[in-house]
Amino acid sequence: MGKEELDRLERALLVHLLDHRGQQVRFEADQWTTEFGIFRAFGQDDQGTVKVALRSLEMSRYIYRRVQYVIGYSEPKLVYSLTPSGHRKAVDRRGPPTS
C-alpha cells in the first residue's frame, strides 16, 4: 500500500463519516459509522488497508471510537466519529457544495 493510496482512503473515510454523522445529534448513530458499515461502504478496498487508514486517522486525532446505539441494532456497537479537527479536514476535503 502506497502513501498515495492511504491518503486517498483517509480522505474518503473522513468524507464518509462527515456524510453519515447526521443521526449523531440524537442518541443513535448511523449504521454506516460502524466498522462493519465502513467495510461495506469501502468494499472495493482491501479490508486491511481500510483498518490501517482508520487507525492512522485515529492516531492523528481526526476520528475517535466509542460505543453507541446504532439505528437498526438492539445492542450498542462500536462507531467511528469525527473529532472537531477531523470535521474541519473532512469539510476541506469534500470541497465547496455544488448547486
C-alpha atoms as a PDB file:
ATOM      1  CA  MET A   1       0.000   0.000   0.000  1.00  0.00           C
ATOM      2  CA  GLY A   2       1.485   3.278  -1.137  1.00  0.00           C
ATOM      3  CA  LYS A   3       1.304   6.647   0.563  1.00  0.00           C
ATOM      4  CA  GLU A   4      -0.991   7.990  -2.187  1.00  0.00           C
ATOM      5  CA  GLU A   5      -3.422   5.092  -1.710  1.00  0.00           C
ATOM      6  CA  LEU A   6      -3.508   5.620   2.061  1.00  0.00           C
ATOM      7  CA  ASP A   7      -4.026   9.385   1.623  1.00  0.00           C
ATOM      8  CA  ARG A   8      -6.893   8.764  -0.827  1.00  0.00           C
ATOM      9  CA  LEU A   9      -8.525   6.294   1.533  1.00  0.00           C
ATOM     10  CA  GLU A  10      -8.119   8.560   4.574  1.00  0.00           C
ATOM     11  CA  ARG A  11      -9.739  11.464   2.693  1.00  0.00           C
ATOM     12  CA  ALA A  12     -12.586   9.212   1.549  1.00  0.00           C
ATOM     13  CA  LEU A  13     -13.122   7.918   5.111  1.00  0.00           C
ATOM     14  CA  LEU A  14     -13.283  11.451   6.529  1.00  0.00           C
ATOM     15  CA  VAL A  15     -15.863  12.486   3.936  1.00  0.00           C
ATOM     16  CA  HIS A  16     -17.803   9.240   4.518  1.00  0.00           C
ATOM     17  CA  LEU A  17     -18.013   9.945   8.258  1.00  0.00           C
ATOM     18  CA  LEU A  18     -18.990  13.547   7.549  1.00  0.00           C
ATOM     19  CA  ASP A  19     -21.806  12.377   5.272  1.00  0.00           C
ATOM     20  CA  HIS A  20     -23.115   9.896   7.877  1.00  0.00           C
ATOM     21  CA  ARG A  21     -22.868  11.970  11.031  1.00  0.00           C
ATOM     22  CA  GLY A  22     -26.447  13.275  10.880  1.00  0.00           C
ATOM     23  CA  GLN A  23     -28.015  10.904  13.397  1.00  0.00           C
ATOM     24  CA  GLN A  24     -25.296  11.519  15.980  1.00  0.00           C
ATOM     25  CA  VAL A  25     -27.079  14.597  17.283  1.00  0.00           C
ATOM     26  CA  ARG A  26     -29.598  12.097  18.648  1.00  0.00           C
ATOM     27  CA  PHE A  27     -28.674   9.103  20.750  1.00  0.00           C
ATOM     28  CA  GLU A  28     -28.322   6.682  17.846  1.00  0.00           C
ATOM     29  CA  ALA A  29     -25.553   6.572  15.282  1.00  0.00           C
ATOM     30  CA  ASP A  30     -25.894   5.742  11.594  1.00  0.00           C
ATOM     31  CA  GLN A  31     -25.122   2.097  10.739  1.00  0.00           C
ATOM     32  CA  TRP A  32     -22.554   3.319   8.168  1.00  0.00           C
ATOM     33  CA  THR A  33     -20.357   4.633  11.018  1.00  0.00           C
ATOM     34  CA  THR A  34     -19.773   1.140  12.450  1.00  0.00           C
ATOM     35  CA  GLU A  35     -16.683  -0.772  11.408  1.00  0.00           C
ATOM     36  CA  PHE A  36     -18.880  -3.256   9.545  1.00  0.00           C
ATOM     37  CA  GLY A  37     -20.716  -0.440   7.762  1.00  0.00           C
ATOM     38  CA  ILE A  38     -17.448   1.218   6.785  1.00  0.00           C
ATOM     39  CA  PHE A  39     -16.089  -2.079   5.425  1.00  0.00           C
ATOM     40  CA  ARG A  40     -19.282  -2.499   3.376  1.00  0.00           C
ATOM     41  CA  ALA A  41     -19.086   1.063   2.054  1.00  0.00           C
ATOM     42  CA  PHE A  42     -15.436   0.568   1.088  1.00  0.00           C
ATOM     43  CA  GLY A  43     -15.875  -2.966  -0.229  1.00  0.00           C
ATOM     44  CA  GLN A  44     -13.707  -2.215  -3.257  1.00  0.00           C
ATOM     45  CA  ASP A  45     -10.725  -1.588  -0.947  1.00  0.00           C
ATOM     46  CA  ASP A  46      -8.751  -4.213   0.946  1.00  0.00           C
ATOM     47  CA  GLN A  47     -10.149  -4.591   4.478  1.00  0.00           C
ATOM     48  CA  GLY A  48      -6.642  -4.498   5.968  1.00  0.00           C
ATOM     49  CA  THR A  49      -5.920  -1.226   4.177  1.00  0.00           C
ATOM     50  CA  VAL A  50      -9.158   0.273   5.495  1.00  0.00           C
ATOM     51  CA  LYS A  51      -8.177  -0.784   9.037  1.00  0.00           C
ATOM     52  CA  VAL A  52      -4.752   0.845   8.630  1.00  0.00           C
ATOM     53  CA  ALA A  53      -6.371   4.060   7.373  1.00  0.00           C
ATOM     54  CA  LEU A  54      -8.851   4.117  10.279  1.00  0.00           C
ATOM     55  CA  ARG A  55      -6.036   3.555  12.768  1.00  0.00           C
ATOM     56  CA  SER A  56      -3.940   6.290  11.153  1.00  0.00           C
ATOM     57  CA  LEU A  57      -6.837   8.746  11.349  1.00  0.00           C
ATOM     58  CA  GLU A  58      -7.400   7.793  14.974  1.00  0.00           C
ATOM     59  CA  MET A  59      -3.732   8.262  15.841  1.00  0.00           C
ATOM     60  CA  SER A  60      -3.816  11.661  14.105  1.00  0.00           C
ATOM     61  CA  ARG A  61      -6.861  12.519  16.242  1.00  0.00           C
ATOM     62  CA  TYR A  62      -9.144  13.117  13.281  1.00  0.00           C
ATOM     63  CA  ILE A  63     -11.536  10.369  14.388  1.00  0.00           C
ATOM     64  CA  TYR A  64     -12.335   8.527  17.599  1.00  0.00           C
ATOM     65  CA  ARG A  65     -14.164   5.344  18.528  1.00  0.00           C
ATOM     66  CA  ARG A  66     -16.980   4.995  21.006  1.00  0.00           C
ATOM     67  CA  VAL A  67     -19.731   2.553  21.877  1.00  0.00           C
ATOM     68  CA  GLN A  68     -23.163   3.878  20.969  1.00  0.00           C
ATOM     69  CA  TYR A  69     -26.595   2.665  19.990  1.00  0.00           C
ATOM     70  CA  VAL A  70     -26.928   2.267  16.238  1.00  0.00           C
ATOM     71  CA  ILE A  71     -30.120   2.560  14.207  1.00  0.00           C
ATOM     72  CA  GLY A  72     -31.351  -0.946  13.409  1.00  0.00           C
ATOM     73  CA  TYR A  73     -29.430  -2.747  16.175  1.00  0.00           C
ATOM     74  CA  SER A  74     -30.700  -3.672  19.628  1.00  0.00           C
ATOM     75  CA  GLU A  75     -27.283  -3.527  21.297  1.00  0.00           C
ATOM     76  CA  PRO A  76     -24.702  -0.731  21.299  1.00  0.00           C
ATOM     77  CA  LYS A  77     -21.949  -1.029  18.684  1.00  0.00           C
ATOM     78  CA  LEU A  78     -18.507   0.463  18.220  1.00  0.00           C
ATOM     79  CA  VAL A  79     -18.831   3.502  15.954  1.00  0.00           C
ATOM     80  CA  TYR A  80     -16.350   5.973  14.486  1.00  0.00           C
ATOM     81  CA  SER A  81     -16.902   9.714  14.798  1.00  0.00           C
ATOM     82  CA  LEU A  82     -15.087  12.812  13.634  1.00  0.00           C
ATOM     83  CA  THR A  83     -13.230  14.979  16.112  1.00  0.00           C
ATOM     84  CA  PRO A  84     -13.556  18.765  15.644  1.00  0.00           C
ATOM     85  CA  SER A  85     -10.263  18.812  13.690  1.00  0.00           C
ATOM     86  CA  GLY A  86     -11.397  15.783  11.667  1.00  0.00           C
ATOM     87  CA  HIS A  87     -14.649  17.559  10.858  1.00  0.00           C
ATOM     88  CA  ARG A  88     -12.747  20.613   9.576  1.00  0.00           C
ATOM     89  CA  LYS A  89     -10.441  18.420   7.498  1.00  0.00           C
ATOM     90  CA  ALA A  90     -13.394  16.468   6.059  1.00  0.00           C
ATOM     91  CA  VAL A  91     -15.171  19.701   5.078  1.00  0.00           C
ATOM     92  CA  ASP A  92     -11.953  20.929   3.426  1.00  0.00           C
ATOM     93  CA  ARG A  93     -11.522  17.598   1.602  1.00  0.00           C
ATOM     94  CA  ARG A  94     -15.084  17.493   0.337  1.00  0.00           C
ATOM     95  CA  GLY A  95     -14.760  20.973  -1.116  1.00  0.00           C
ATOM     96  CA  PRO A  96     -17.452  23.589  -1.621  1.00  0.00           C
ATOM     97  CA  PRO A  97     -21.034  22.397  -2.092  1.00  0.00           C
ATOM     98  CA  THR A  98     -22.280  22.315  -5.645  1.00  0.00           C
ATOM     99  CA  SER A  99     -25.726  23.525  -6.566  1.00  0.00           C
END
